[in-house]
């Protein structure tokens, strides 16, 4: 079930191998042994319009939203966040804003259908 969504400003495309970065982030999640590998989903969304503070769209960014079903400890989530940030810094350290948000989803309200 875990979903890694990497949003990034379109200017990042010019300086970062986005597909390679996404694959490396995906592998961090797989290697964490916190999830069933078949359920891990990762995707990248290029943002064409964004604003940051008073600098508008002159600030490039990569933001990772990682949603998972509740049940992992704070330490497990903190370690996963640290490992994801390490990959971001290695491959996109020149991007001005790098952020990660790991968020628990409520198991009781989550629904899944696989055909």
PDB file of N, CA and C in Angstrom:
ATOM      1  N   UNK A   1       0.784  -1.202   0.000  1.00  0.00           N
ATOM      2  CA  UNK A   1       0.000   0.000   0.000  1.00  0.00           C
ATOM      3  C   UNK A   1       0.827   1.267   0.000  1.00  0.00           C
ATOM      4  N   UNK A   2       2.014   1.288   0.499  1.00  0.00           N
ATOM      5  CA  UNK A   2       2.685   2.583   0.615  1.00  0.00           C
ATOM      6  C   UNK A   2       2.823   3.265  -0.746  1.00  0.00           C
ATOM      7  N   UNK A   3       2.602   4.569  -0.729  1.00  0.00           N
ATOM      8  CA  UNK A   3       2.702   5.387  -1.935  1.00  0.00           C
ATOM      9  C   UNK A   3       3.738   6.467  -1.735  1.00  0.00           C
ATOM     10  N   UNK A   4       4.743   6.483  -2.595  1.00  0.00           N
ATOM     11  CA  UNK A   4       5.740   7.542  -2.615  1.00  0.00           C
ATOM     12  C   UNK A   4       5.414   8.420  -3.823  1.00  0.00           C
ATOM     13  N   UNK A   5       5.151   9.691  -3.553  1.00  0.00           N
ATOM     14  CA  UNK A   5       4.861  10.649  -4.622  1.00  0.00           C
ATOM     15  C   UNK A   5       5.915  11.738  -4.558  1.00  0.00           C
ATOM     16  N   UNK A   6       6.687  11.848  -5.631  1.00  0.00           N
ATOM     17  CA  UNK A   6       7.734  12.864  -5.710  1.00  0.00           C
ATOM     18  C   UNK A   6       7.237  13.983  -6.632  1.00  0.00           C
ATOM     19  N   UNK A   7       6.965  15.130  -6.037  1.00  0.00           N
ATOM     20  CA  UNK A   7       6.602  16.313  -6.815  1.00  0.00           C
ATOM     21  C   UNK A   7       7.860  17.139  -7.010  1.00  0.00           C
ATOM     22  N   UNK A   8       7.983  17.735  -8.193  1.00  0.00           N
ATOM     23  CA  UNK A   8       9.189  18.534  -8.437  1.00  0.00           C
ATOM     24  C   UNK A   8       8.889  19.651  -9.424  1.00  0.00           C
ATOM     25  N   UNK A   9       9.613  20.754  -9.267  1.00  0.00           N
ATOM     26  CA  UNK A   9       9.462  21.884 -10.183  1.00  0.00           C
ATOM     27  C   UNK A   9      10.046  21.502 -11.542  1.00  0.00           C
ATOM     28  N   UNK A  10       9.446  22.005 -12.603  1.00  0.00           N
ATOM     29  CA  UNK A  10       9.880  21.587 -13.938  1.00  0.00           C
ATOM     30  C   UNK A  10      11.340  21.930 -14.218  1.00  0.00           C
ATOM     31  N   UNK A  11      11.904  22.886 -13.512  1.00  0.00           N
ATOM     32  CA  UNK A  11      13.318  23.225 -13.698  1.00  0.00           C
ATOM     33  C   UNK A  11      14.245  22.102 -13.216  1.00  0.00           C
ATOM     34  N   UNK A  12      13.760  21.232 -12.355  1.00  0.00           N
ATOM     35  CA  UNK A  12      14.561  20.118 -11.847  1.00  0.00           C
ATOM     36  C   UNK A  12      14.902  19.149 -12.975  1.00  0.00           C
ATOM     37  N   UNK A  13      13.990  18.992 -13.918  1.00  0.00           N
ATOM     38  CA  UNK A  13      14.189  18.085 -15.055  1.00  0.00           C
ATOM     39  C   UNK A  13      15.492  18.344 -15.800  1.00  0.00           C
ATOM     40  N   UNK A  14      15.919  19.595 -15.829  1.00  0.00           N
ATOM     41  CA  UNK A  14      17.112  19.976 -16.577  1.00  0.00           C
ATOM     42  C   UNK A  14      18.403  19.549 -15.876  1.00  0.00           C
ATOM     43  N   UNK A  15      18.334  19.303 -14.563  1.00  0.00           N
ATOM     44  CA  UNK A  15      19.565  19.068 -13.796  1.00  0.00           C
ATOM     45  C   UNK A  15      19.591  17.771 -13.019  1.00  0.00           C
ATOM     46  N   UNK A  16      18.489  17.021 -13.037  1.00  0.00           N
ATOM     47  CA  UNK A  16      18.394  15.787 -12.264  1.00  0.00           C
ATOM     48  C   UNK A  16      17.826  14.692 -13.155  1.00  0.00           C
ATOM     49  N   UNK A  17      18.363  13.500 -13.053  1.00  0.00           N
ATOM     50  CA  UNK A  17      17.793  12.341 -13.734  1.00  0.00           C
ATOM     51  C   UNK A  17      16.595  11.897 -12.893  1.00  0.00           C
ATOM     52  N   UNK A  18      15.424  12.417 -13.222  1.00  0.00           N
ATOM     53  CA  UNK A  18      14.231  12.201 -12.406  1.00  0.00           C
ATOM     54  C   UNK A  18      13.872  10.718 -12.340  1.00  0.00           C
ATOM     55  N   UNK A  19      13.907  10.018 -13.463  1.00  0.00           N
ATOM     56  CA  UNK A  19      13.576   8.591 -13.460  1.00  0.00           C
ATOM     57  C   UNK A  19      14.554   7.804 -12.596  1.00  0.00           C
ATOM     58  N   UNK A  20      15.835   8.095 -12.717  1.00  0.00           N
ATOM     59  CA  UNK A  20      16.837   7.421 -11.904  1.00  0.00           C
ATOM     60  C   UNK A  20      16.657   7.711 -10.421  1.00  0.00           C
ATOM     61  N   UNK A  21      16.359   8.962 -10.093  1.00  0.00           N
ATOM     62  CA  UNK A  21      16.119   9.339  -8.705  1.00  0.00           C
ATOM     63  C   UNK A  21      14.902   8.602  -8.164  1.00  0.00           C
ATOM     64  N   UNK A  22      13.826   8.568  -8.928  1.00  0.00           N
ATOM     65  CA  UNK A  22      12.615   7.867  -8.495  1.00  0.00           C
ATOM     66  C   UNK A  22      12.906   6.390  -8.250  1.00  0.00           C
ATOM     67  N   UNK A  23      13.654   5.772  -9.151  1.00  0.00           N
ATOM     68  CA  UNK A  23      13.997   4.355  -8.980  1.00  0.00           C
ATOM     69  C   UNK A  23      14.817   4.133  -7.712  1.00  0.00           C
ATOM     70  N   UNK A  24      15.772   5.010  -7.444  1.00  0.00           N
ATOM     71  CA  UNK A  24      16.595   4.864  -6.249  1.00  0.00           C
ATOM     72  C   UNK A  24      15.781   5.061  -4.973  1.00  0.00           C
ATOM     73  N   UNK A  25      14.863   6.018  -4.977  1.00  0.00           N
ATOM     74  CA  UNK A  25      13.981   6.226  -3.827  1.00  0.00           C
ATOM     75  C   UNK A  25      13.088   4.999  -3.615  1.00  0.00           C
ATOM     76  N   UNK A  26      12.569   4.465  -4.708  1.00  0.00           N
ATOM     77  CA  UNK A  26      11.719   3.274  -4.663  1.00  0.00           C
ATOM     78  C   UNK A  26      12.492   2.107  -4.034  1.00  0.00           C
ATOM     79  N   UNK A  27      13.748   1.945  -4.433  1.00  0.00           N
ATOM     80  CA  UNK A  27      14.566   0.857  -3.891  1.00  0.00           C
ATOM     81  C   UNK A  27      14.857   1.038  -2.400  1.00  0.00           C
ATOM     82  N   UNK A  28      14.976   2.273  -1.942  1.00  0.00           N
ATOM     83  CA  UNK A  28      15.139   2.521  -0.502  1.00  0.00           C
ATOM     84  C   UNK A  28      13.935   1.958   0.250  1.00  0.00           C
ATOM     85  N   UNK A  29      12.757   2.210  -0.277  1.00  0.00           N
ATOM     86  CA  UNK A  29      11.535   1.723   0.377  1.00  0.00           C
ATOM     87  C   UNK A  29      11.501   0.200   0.354  1.00  0.00           C
ATOM     88  N   UNK A  30      11.839  -0.399  -0.787  1.00  0.00           N
ATOM     89  CA  UNK A  30      11.843  -1.860  -0.885  1.00  0.00           C
ATOM     90  C   UNK A  30      12.826  -2.483   0.101  1.00  0.00           C
ATOM     91  N   UNK A  31      14.008  -1.887   0.215  1.00  0.00           N
ATOM     92  CA  UNK A  31      15.057  -2.428   1.101  1.00  0.00           C
ATOM     93  C   UNK A  31      14.772  -2.189   2.588  1.00  0.00           C
ATOM     94  N   UNK A  32      13.828  -1.315   2.886  1.00  0.00           N
ATOM     95  CA  UNK A  32      13.530  -1.015   4.294  1.00  0.00           C
ATOM     96  C   UNK A  32      12.927  -2.203   5.025  1.00  0.00           C
ATOM     97  N   UNK A  33      12.379  -3.146   4.294  1.00  0.00           N
ATOM     98  CA  UNK A  33      11.721  -4.322   4.855  1.00  0.00           C
ATOM     99  C   UNK A  33      10.543  -3.979   5.752  1.00  0.00           C
ATOM    100  N   UNK A  34       9.967  -2.791   5.542  1.00  0.00           N
ATOM    101  CA  UNK A  34       8.788  -2.377   6.306  1.00  0.00           C
ATOM    102  C   UNK A  34       7.489  -2.722   5.588  1.00  0.00           C
ATOM    103  N   UNK A  35       7.593  -3.107   4.317  1.00  0.00           N
ATOM    104  CA  UNK A  35       6.402  -3.280   3.490  1.00  0.00           C
ATOM    105  C   UNK A  35       6.517  -4.524   2.626  1.00  0.00           C
ATOM    106  N   UNK A  36       5.378  -5.028   2.195  1.00  0.00           N
ATOM    107  CA  UNK A  36       5.342  -6.067   1.185  1.00  0.00           C
ATOM    108  C   UNK A  36       5.775  -5.404  -0.123  1.00  0.00           C
ATOM    109  N   UNK A  37       6.843  -5.890  -0.730  1.00  0.00           N
ATOM    110  CA  UNK A  37       7.414  -5.240  -1.917  1.00  0.00           C
ATOM    111  C   UNK A  37       6.392  -5.047  -3.038  1.00  0.00           C
ATOM    112  N   UNK A  38       5.509  -6.000  -3.230  1.00  0.00           N
ATOM    113  CA  UNK A  38       4.535  -5.909  -4.319  1.00  0.00           C
ATOM    114  C   UNK A  38       3.542  -4.758  -4.129  1.00  0.00           C
ATOM    115  N   UNK A  39       3.432  -4.255  -2.912  1.00  0.00           N
ATOM    116  CA  UNK A  39       2.447  -3.203  -2.646  1.00  0.00           C
ATOM    117  C   UNK A  39       3.024  -1.792  -2.738  1.00  0.00           C
ATOM    118  N   UNK A  40       4.339  -1.656  -2.895  1.00  0.00           N
ATOM    119  CA  UNK A  40       4.983  -0.336  -2.930  1.00  0.00           C
ATOM    120  C   UNK A  40       4.762   0.313  -4.292  1.00  0.00           C
ATOM    121  N   UNK A  41       4.254   1.546  -4.279  1.00  0.00           N
ATOM    122  CA  UNK A  41       4.015   2.298  -5.511  1.00  0.00           C
ATOM    123  C   UNK A  41       4.749   3.633  -5.422  1.00  0.00           C
ATOM    124  N   UNK A  42       5.459   3.982  -6.489  1.00  0.00           N
ATOM    125  CA  UNK A  42       6.191   5.251  -6.524  1.00  0.00           C
ATOM    126  C   UNK A  42       5.903   5.946  -7.836  1.00  0.00           C
ATOM    127  N   UNK A  43       5.779   7.260  -7.803  1.00  0.00           N
ATOM    128  CA  UNK A  43       5.534   8.028  -9.014  1.00  0.00           C
ATOM    129  C   UNK A  43       6.082   9.437  -8.849  1.00  0.00           C
ATOM    130  N   UNK A  44       6.365  10.054  -9.982  1.00  0.00           N
ATOM    131  CA  UNK A  44       6.881  11.427  -9.991  1.00  0.00           C
ATOM    132  C   UNK A  44       5.894  12.316 -10.730  1.00  0.00           C
ATOM    133  N   UNK A  45       5.640  13.472 -10.157  1.00  0.00           N
ATOM    134  CA  UNK A  45       4.726  14.437 -10.753  1.00  0.00           C
ATOM    135  C   UNK A  45       5.462  15.752 -10.971  1.00  0.00           C
ATOM    136  N   UNK A  46       5.590  16.128 -12.223  1.00  0.00           N
ATOM    137  CA  UNK A  46       6.257  17.382 -12.579  1.00  0.00           C
ATOM    138  C   UNK A  46       5.273  18.530 -12.420  1.00  0.00           C
ATOM    139  N   UNK A  47       5.685  19.566 -11.703  1.00  0.00           N
ATOM    140  CA  UNK A  47       4.831  20.735 -11.479  1.00  0.00           C
ATOM    141  C   UNK A  47       5.241  21.843 -12.444  1.00  0.00           C
ATOM    142  N   UNK A  48       4.285  22.326 -13.186  1.00  0.00           N
ATOM    143  CA  UNK A  48       4.543  23.397 -14.138  1.00  0.00           C
ATOM    144  C   UNK A  48       4.266  24.772 -13.533  1.00  0.00           C
ATOM    145  N   UNK A  49       3.483  24.797 -12.482  1.00  0.00           N
ATOM    146  CA  UNK A  49       3.122  26.067 -11.839  1.00  0.00           C
ATOM    147  C   UNK A  49       3.286  25.896 -10.333  1.00  0.00           C
ATOM    148  N   UNK A  50       4.049  26.778  -9.699  1.00  0.00           N
ATOM    149  CA  UNK A  50       4.262  26.741  -8.261  1.00  0.00           C
ATOM    150  C   UNK A  50       4.716  28.107  -7.803  1.00  0.00           C
ATOM    151  N   UNK A  51       4.587  28.349  -6.516  1.00  0.00           N
ATOM    152  CA  UNK A  51       5.055  29.581  -5.886  1.00  0.00           C
ATOM    153  C   UNK A  51       5.683  29.216  -4.551  1.00  0.00           C
ATOM    154  N   UNK A  52       6.797  29.850  -4.227  1.00  0.00           N
ATOM    155  CA  UNK A  52       7.456  29.640  -2.945  1.00  0.00           C
ATOM    156  C   UNK A  52       7.704  31.005  -2.325  1.00  0.00           C
ATOM    157  N   UNK A  53       7.056  31.245  -1.206  1.00  0.00           N
ATOM    158  CA  UNK A  53       7.244  32.510  -0.500  1.00  0.00           C
ATOM    159  C   UNK A  53       7.110  33.712  -1.419  1.00  0.00           C
ATOM    160  N   UNK A  54       7.988  34.673  -1.223  1.00  0.00           N
ATOM    161  CA  UNK A  54       7.978  35.881  -2.042  1.00  0.00           C
ATOM    162  C   UNK A  54       8.818  35.741  -3.305  1.00  0.00           C
ATOM    163  N   UNK A  55       9.492  34.575  -3.452  1.00  0.00           N
ATOM    164  CA  UNK A  55      10.344  34.359  -4.619  1.00  0.00           C
ATOM    165  C   UNK A  55       9.601  33.724  -5.787  1.00  0.00           C
ATOM    166  N   UNK A  56       8.334  33.443  -5.596  1.00  0.00           N
ATOM    167  CA  UNK A  56       7.525  32.911  -6.686  1.00  0.00           C
ATOM    168  C   UNK A  56       8.043  31.591  -7.209  1.00  0.00           C
ATOM    169  N   UNK A  57       8.193  31.524  -8.537  1.00  0.00           N
ATOM    170  CA  UNK A  57       8.606  30.264  -9.157  1.00  0.00           C
ATOM    171  C   UNK A  57      10.108  30.212  -9.447  1.00  0.00           C
ATOM    172  N   UNK A  58      10.877  31.075  -8.801  1.00  0.00           N
ATOM    173  CA  UNK A  58      12.326  31.055  -9.023  1.00  0.00           C
ATOM    174  C   UNK A  58      13.039  30.044  -8.121  1.00  0.00           C
ATOM    175  N   UNK A  59      12.325  29.445  -7.186  1.00  0.00           N
ATOM    176  CA  UNK A  59      12.895  28.456  -6.277  1.00  0.00           C
ATOM    177  C   UNK A  59      12.533  27.061  -6.779  1.00  0.00           C
ATOM    178  N   UNK A  60      13.544  26.250  -7.073  1.00  0.00           N
ATOM    179  CA  UNK A  60      13.242  24.886  -7.495  1.00  0.00           C
ATOM    180  C   UNK A  60      13.090  23.991  -6.261  1.00  0.00           C
ATOM    181  N   UNK A  61      12.344  22.912  -6.418  1.00  0.00           N
ATOM    182  CA  UNK A  61      12.059  22.060  -5.270  1.00  0.00           C
ATOM    183  C   UNK A  61      11.822  20.615  -5.688  1.00  0.00           C
ATOM    184  N   UNK A  62      12.004  19.739  -4.711  1.00  0.00           N
ATOM    185  CA  UNK A  62      11.538  18.362  -4.774  1.00  0.00           C
ATOM    186  C   UNK A  62      10.876  18.091  -3.433  1.00  0.00           C
ATOM    187  N   UNK A  63       9.647  17.622  -3.472  1.00  0.00           N
ATOM    188  CA  UNK A  63       8.928  17.272  -2.246  1.00  0.00           C
ATOM    189  C   UNK A  63       8.428  15.842  -2.363  1.00  0.00           C
ATOM    190  N   UNK A  64       8.721  15.039  -1.353  1.00  0.00           N
ATOM    191  CA  UNK A  64       8.239  13.660  -1.313  1.00  0.00           C
ATOM    192  C   UNK A  64       7.140  13.546  -0.278  1.00  0.00           C
ATOM    193  N   UNK A  65       5.995  13.065  -0.734  1.00  0.00           N
ATOM    194  CA  UNK A  65       4.914  12.684   0.172  1.00  0.00           C
ATOM    195  C   UNK A  65       4.904  11.168   0.213  1.00  0.00           C
ATOM    196  N   UNK A  66       4.962  10.618   1.398  1.00  0.00           N
ATOM    197  CA  UNK A  66       4.970   9.165   1.546  1.00  0.00           C
ATOM    198  C   UNK A  66       3.835   8.784   2.478  1.00  0.00           C
ATOM    199  N   UNK A  67       2.853   8.093   1.927  1.00  0.00           N
ATOM    200  CA  UNK A  67       1.699   7.668   2.713  1.00  0.00           C
ATOM    201  C   UNK A  67       1.773   6.168   2.958  1.00  0.00           C
ATOM    202  N   UNK A  68       1.509   5.772   4.191  1.00  0.00           N
ATOM    203  CA  UNK A  68       1.538   4.363   4.547  1.00  0.00           C
ATOM    204  C   UNK A  68       0.443   4.088   5.557  1.00  0.00           C
ATOM    205  N   UNK A  69       0.009   2.853   5.601  1.00  0.00           N
ATOM    206  CA  UNK A  69      -0.981   2.485   6.603  1.00  0.00           C
ATOM    207  C   UNK A  69      -0.345   2.564   7.983  1.00  0.00           C
ATOM    208  N   UNK A  70      -1.124   2.993   8.958  1.00  0.00           N
ATOM    209  CA  UNK A  70      -0.615   3.134  10.312  1.00  0.00           C
ATOM    210  C   UNK A  70      -0.101   1.796  10.834  1.00  0.00           C
ATOM    211  N   UNK A  71       0.819   1.867  11.771  1.00  0.00           N
ATOM    212  CA  UNK A  71       1.351   0.650  12.368  1.00  0.00           C
ATOM    213  C   UNK A  71       2.860   0.629  12.480  1.00  0.00           C
ATOM    214  N   UNK A  72       3.557   1.568  11.832  1.00  0.00           N
ATOM    215  CA  UNK A  72       5.022   1.633  11.955  1.00  0.00           C
ATOM    216  C   UNK A  72       5.363   2.582  13.092  1.00  0.00           C
ATOM    217  N   UNK A  73       6.471   2.307  13.749  1.00  0.00           N
ATOM    218  CA  UNK A  73       6.884   3.162  14.867  1.00  0.00           C
ATOM    219  C   UNK A  73       7.437   4.489  14.344  1.00  0.00           C
ATOM    220  N   UNK A  74       7.497   5.453  15.242  1.00  0.00           N
ATOM    221  CA  UNK A  74       8.083   6.757  14.890  1.00  0.00           C
ATOM    222  C   UNK A  74       9.522   6.589  14.453  1.00  0.00           C
ATOM    223  N   UNK A  75      10.248   5.714  15.123  1.00  0.00           N
ATOM    224  CA  UNK A  75      11.648   5.476  14.767  1.00  0.00           C
ATOM    225  C   UNK A  75      11.772   4.878  13.373  1.00  0.00           C
ATOM    226  N   UNK A  76      10.915   3.940  13.025  1.00  0.00           N
ATOM    227  CA  UNK A  76      10.948   3.345  11.683  1.00  0.00           C
ATOM    228  C   UNK A  76      10.677   4.410  10.617  1.00  0.00           C
ATOM    229  N   UNK A  77       9.714   5.273  10.866  1.00  0.00           N
ATOM    230  CA  UNK A  77       9.388   6.333   9.905  1.00  0.00           C
ATOM    231  C   UNK A  77      10.510   7.364   9.821  1.00  0.00           C
ATOM    232  N   UNK A  78      11.102   7.682  10.955  1.00  0.00           N
ATOM    233  CA  UNK A  78      12.219   8.638  10.979  1.00  0.00           C
ATOM    234  C   UNK A  78      13.415   8.086  10.193  1.00  0.00           C
ATOM    235  N   UNK A  79      13.701   6.803  10.364  1.00  0.00           N
ATOM    236  CA  UNK A  79      14.817   6.178   9.648  1.00  0.00           C
ATOM    237  C   UNK A  79      14.541   6.121   8.147  1.00  0.00           C
ATOM    238  N   UNK A  80      13.318   5.804   7.768  1.00  0.00           N
ATOM    239  CA  UNK A  80      12.954   5.791   6.347  1.00  0.00           C
ATOM    240  C   UNK A  80      13.109   7.193   5.764  1.00  0.00           C
ATOM    241  N   UNK A  81      12.651   8.196   6.470  1.00  0.00           N
ATOM    242  CA  UNK A  81      12.785   9.580   6.015  1.00  0.00           C
ATOM    243  C   UNK A  81      14.255   9.960   5.850  1.00  0.00           C
ATOM    244  N   UNK A  82      15.086   9.549   6.800  1.00  0.00           N
ATOM    245  CA  UNK A  82      16.515   9.844   6.739  1.00  0.00           C
ATOM    246  C   UNK A  82      17.155   9.201   5.514  1.00  0.00           C
ATOM    247  N   UNK A  83      16.811   7.942   5.242  1.00  0.00           N
ATOM    248  CA  UNK A  83      17.380   7.247   4.090  1.00  0.00           C
ATOM    249  C   UNK A  83      16.916   7.871   2.775  1.00  0.00           C
ATOM    250  N   UNK A  84      15.654   8.270   2.704  1.00  0.00           N
ATOM    251  CA  UNK A  84      15.154   8.934   1.497  1.00  0.00           C
ATOM    252  C   UNK A  84      15.867  10.272   1.286  1.00  0.00           C
ATOM    253  N   UNK A  85      16.060  11.024   2.372  1.00  0.00           N
ATOM    254  CA  UNK A  85      16.737  12.318   2.264  1.00  0.00           C
ATOM    255  C   UNK A  85      18.186  12.143   1.825  1.00  0.00           C
ATOM    256  N   UNK A  86      18.839  11.086   2.279  1.00  0.00           N
ATOM    257  CA  UNK A  86      20.213  10.831   1.844  1.00  0.00           C
ATOM    258  C   UNK A  86      20.284  10.686   0.332  1.00  0.00           C
ATOM    259  N   UNK A  87      19.351   9.957  -0.245  1.00  0.00           N
ATOM    260  CA  UNK A  87      19.313   9.788  -1.705  1.00  0.00           C
ATOM    261  C   UNK A  87      19.043  11.129  -2.379  1.00  0.00           C
ATOM    262  N   UNK A  88      18.096  11.891  -1.850  1.00  0.00           N
ATOM    263  CA  UNK A  88      17.812  13.215  -2.416  1.00  0.00           C
ATOM    264  C   UNK A  88      19.061  14.098  -2.397  1.00  0.00           C
ATOM    265  N   UNK A  89      19.745  14.127  -1.285  1.00  0.00           N
ATOM    266  CA  UNK A  89      20.928  14.976  -1.174  1.00  0.00           C
ATOM    267  C   UNK A  89      22.038  14.528  -2.110  1.00  0.00           C
ATOM    268  N   UNK A  90      22.211  13.223  -2.254  1.00  0.00           N
ATOM    269  CA  UNK A  90      23.257  12.709  -3.146  1.00  0.00           C
ATOM    270  C   UNK A  90      22.990  13.080  -4.604  1.00  0.00           C
ATOM    271  N   UNK A  91      21.750  12.990  -5.028  1.00  0.00           N
ATOM    272  CA  UNK A  91      21.436  13.163  -6.448  1.00  0.00           C
ATOM    273  C   UNK A  91      20.871  14.535  -6.796  1.00  0.00           C
ATOM    274  N   UNK A  92      20.374  15.256  -5.802  1.00  0.00           N
ATOM    275  CA  UNK A  92      19.729  16.539  -6.093  1.00  0.00           C
ATOM    276  C   UNK A  92      20.074  17.587  -5.044  1.00  0.00           C
ATOM    277  N   UNK A  93      21.267  17.476  -4.474  1.00  0.00           N
ATOM    278  CA  UNK A  93      21.682  18.413  -3.433  1.00  0.00           C
ATOM    279  C   UNK A  93      21.730  19.854  -3.896  1.00  0.00           C
ATOM    280  N   UNK A  94      21.824  20.080  -5.192  1.00  0.00           N
ATOM    281  CA  UNK A  94      21.864  21.434  -5.746  1.00  0.00           C
ATOM    282  C   UNK A  94      20.467  22.039  -5.909  1.00  0.00           C
ATOM    283  N   UNK A  95      19.421  21.234  -5.720  1.00  0.00           N
ATOM    284  CA  UNK A  95      18.047  21.751  -5.752  1.00  0.00           C
ATOM    285  C   UNK A  95      17.818  22.495  -4.443  1.00  0.00           C
ATOM    286  N   UNK A  96      17.225  23.662  -4.540  1.00  0.00           N
ATOM    287  CA  UNK A  96      17.169  24.566  -3.391  1.00  0.00           C
ATOM    288  C   UNK A  96      16.337  24.038  -2.223  1.00  0.00           C
ATOM    289  N   UNK A  97      15.205  23.405  -2.504  1.00  0.00           N
ATOM    290  CA  UNK A  97      14.328  22.936  -1.436  1.00  0.00           C
ATOM    291  C   UNK A  97      14.061  21.447  -1.592  1.00  0.00           C
ATOM    292  N   UNK A  98      14.482  20.669  -0.603  1.00  0.00           N
ATOM    293  CA  UNK A  98      14.241  19.227  -0.571  1.00  0.00           C
ATOM    294  C   UNK A  98      13.451  18.928   0.700  1.00  0.00           C
ATOM    295  N   UNK A  99      12.261  18.347   0.557  1.00  0.00           N
ATOM    296  CA  UNK A  99      11.424  18.070   1.723  1.00  0.00           C
ATOM    297  C   UNK A  99      10.781  16.694   1.602  1.00  0.00           C
ATOM    298  N   UNK A 100      10.503  16.113   2.767  1.00  0.00           N
ATOM    299  CA  UNK A 100       9.852  14.799   2.840  1.00  0.00           C
ATOM    300  C   UNK A 100       8.799  14.860   3.939  1.00  0.00           C
ATOM    301  N   UNK A 101       7.635  14.316   3.647  1.00  0.00           N
ATOM    302  CA  UNK A 101       6.584  14.199   4.647  1.00  0.00           C
ATOM    303  C   UNK A 101       6.067  12.768   4.639  1.00  0.00           C
ATOM    304  N   UNK A 102       6.227  12.071   5.753  1.00  0.00           N
ATOM    305  CA  UNK A 102       5.709  10.712   5.883  1.00  0.00           C
ATOM    306  C   UNK A 102       4.445  10.795   6.726  1.00  0.00           C
ATOM    307  N   UNK A 103       3.385  10.216   6.199  1.00  0.00           N
ATOM    308  CA  UNK A 103       2.069  10.385   6.808  1.00  0.00           C
ATOM    309  C   UNK A 103       1.362   9.036   6.936  1.00  0.00           C
ATOM    310  N   UNK A 104       0.818   8.773   8.118  1.00  0.00           N
ATOM    311  CA  UNK A 104       0.018   7.569   8.338  1.00  0.00           C
ATOM    312  C   UNK A 104      -1.387   7.755   7.781  1.00  0.00           C
ATOM    313  N   UNK A 105      -1.892   6.678   7.203  1.00  0.00           N
ATOM    314  CA  UNK A 105      -3.282   6.644   6.755  1.00  0.00           C
ATOM    315  C   UNK A 105      -4.072   5.774   7.735  1.00  0.00           C
ATOM    316  N   UNK A 106      -5.326   6.055   7.887  1.00  0.00           N
ATOM    317  CA  UNK A 106      -6.185   5.315   8.788  1.00  0.00           C
ATOM    318  C   UNK A 106      -6.576   3.981   8.153  1.00  0.00           C
ATOM    319  N   UNK A 107      -6.215   2.875   8.787  1.00  0.00           N
ATOM    320  CA  UNK A 107      -6.504   1.543   8.251  1.00  0.00           C
ATOM    321  C   UNK A 107      -8.006   1.314   8.098  1.00  0.00           C
ATOM    322  N   UNK A 108      -8.785   1.869   8.994  1.00  0.00           N
ATOM    323  CA  UNK A 108     -10.224   1.624   8.966  1.00  0.00           C
ATOM    324  C   UNK A 108     -10.915   2.288   7.795  1.00  0.00           C
ATOM    325  N   UNK A 109     -10.363   3.390   7.287  1.00  0.00           N
ATOM    326  CA  UNK A 109     -11.028   4.083   6.178  1.00  0.00           C
ATOM    327  C   UNK A 109     -10.364   3.807   4.826  1.00  0.00           C
ATOM    328  N   UNK A 110      -9.231   3.149   4.826  1.00  0.00           N
ATOM    329  CA  UNK A 110      -8.542   2.848   3.562  1.00  0.00           C
ATOM    330  C   UNK A 110      -9.245   1.708   2.856  1.00  0.00           C
ATOM    331  N   UNK A 111      -9.412   1.848   1.538  1.00  0.00           N
ATOM    332  CA  UNK A 111     -10.004   0.796   0.726  1.00  0.00           C
ATOM    333  C   UNK A 111      -9.112   0.527  -0.453  1.00  0.00           C
ATOM    334  N   UNK A 112      -9.106  -0.729  -0.897  1.00  0.00           N
ATOM    335  CA  UNK A 112      -8.248  -1.123  -2.014  1.00  0.00           C
ATOM    336  C   UNK A 112      -8.994  -2.163  -2.834  1.00  0.00           C
ATOM    337  N   UNK A 113      -8.916  -2.015  -4.154  1.00  0.00           N
ATOM    338  CA  UNK A 113      -9.512  -2.980  -5.082  1.00  0.00           C
ATOM    339  C   UNK A 113      -8.486  -3.294  -6.137  1.00  0.00           C
ATOM    340  N   UNK A 114      -8.180  -4.561  -6.302  1.00  0.00           N
ATOM    341  CA  UNK A 114      -7.235  -4.997  -7.335  1.00  0.00           C
ATOM    342  C   UNK A 114      -7.981  -5.956  -8.236  1.00  0.00           C
ATOM    343  N   UNK A 115      -7.986  -5.673  -9.516  1.00  0.00           N
ATOM    344  CA  UNK A 115      -8.664  -6.552 -10.485  1.00  0.00           C
ATOM    345  C   UNK A 115      -7.673  -7.436 -11.180  1.00  0.00           C
TER     346      UNK A 115
END
